[in-house]
Structures are given as structure tokens and as C-alpha cells.
Amino acid sequence: MKKTWLATLIILSAITAFGQDTEEEETPRNQLGINATLFIKQFLTLSNTTQPLNNPFLITYKHNLANNVWLRAGVGATYDESKNNPNDGSPMSTSNNMTTNLRAGVEWQHGITKRWLFYNGVDAGYNYNLSRIKTSTVGGFPPVPVEISTETEEFGFFGGPVLGIEFKINDKISFNAETTLYYTYSESRRRETNPLFGQFNENRFTASSNFRIIVPTSLFFVFSF
């Protein structure tokens, strides 16, 4: 029933948008985009299962500088926490995961038809990931409560070209998708603390660099104003 109402709202919005298309269009100065990929996937598959996002940016913003030149920015963040408290005597564990992604850049938009345009540009950005796992158990002699912790912290920088395409429903509403080729550099540190067996304590540092392609499988719902 909820999906039926959602479908009705989408259809009504589209009808309203096409109806407004007869008005004289003005070049917008700002665009606000929302990553609608998860909503569309769940709506089309009739499933409540959450799928991972290929594009880590949830909200985007663009500002028109002059003619077809636009400043662009994006932000994305996730946080999840889970607890496992079994009744069979196994250790209780808690995990926390957090990610943050930021980017900024510039793009040039080129009209193809009245409703279609493509754009190319370049981005630079930063990402941060933090993962913690804590396991509570009993050990030693005499037995005492013990907490074993594992933490992985990672940050990185990236940059590279972007290419996208956009479909205008009208001068206020549109959809877009884009692909990027980012060069990334990241550093990671893993720490593990085990009060029972200190020889297993770990503090490891790694650094890596690579090229990462984000294919255009994420769809953004864009509002122009």
C-alpha cells in the first residue's frame, strides 16, 4: 500500500512538472541533488533490503558561475551499530562503523537537446572511515571481565575527471547520473588490544594508492532554483 501511494505521488509530480514546461525557462543558479538510488531499487524490486551505494555521496550541490560553468560539491556519511549478545555463553560483541565522504570541483554543462545535457569536469575530495569492534568475555585466573578491542581507522584523498548526463523533466526538476575516474591515496591504521595475551596486540600502518572508477549506476533527483 505504501509503494502504491509513492507511485501515485511520483506520477502526479511528473504530470505537474510536464505541465509547467510550457512556461518560459530561465537558467537556474543553483542545483540540489539527492541520491535516490536506494529508494528506486527498493521500489522496483518491492524489497525492503538495503543495498550498498556505488556512489558514496548522498547530497550534491551545484552553483552556476557563468554561462555553462558550475561549481560542484558533494557530501555523504553513514553510521551503523550492531550488538551480538548470544545466550549460549559465547562472548558479547559490539561493532560501530562510520564513513564520511566530501568532494568539490568544477564542471562544464553542454546542452544536447531541450531535455538532455551532458557535463564534464574535475573533482578533488577526502574520505574517512572508522570501524570498531569490542568483544566482552571472561578470562584469566581468577576469572575477570575482559574487553578485547579492534579498531581500523582510514583516511584518504582523491581526485580526477567526471563525466555525467542529465535529463530535464522541466526547468525545476531533473535526473542525472555520472561516472568518475579517481586517483586515490589512503592511509590505514589497525589497532588490536588483548589484555589476556599481550603478544597479540597489534598496531599496524599501511598506505596505498590506486585508480577507482565509479560507474553511473546511481541516480540523483535534482532540484534547480
Foldseek 3Di string as FASTA:
>chain_A
DVLVVVVVVVVVVLVVLLVCQVDDFDQFFKKKKAFCQQVVVCSVVVDPDGDDDLDQFGMKMWGDDDDFKIKIKTKHKDKDKDWDDDPPQAWIKIKIKMKIKIKIWMKGWADDDPFKIKMKIKMKIKMKMKMKMWTWHWDDVVTDIWIKMKMKIKMKMKMFMKMKMKGHSHNFKIKMWIKTKIKMKMKMWMFIDGPVDRVPTDTDIDIDIDIDMRDRSIMIIMGGD
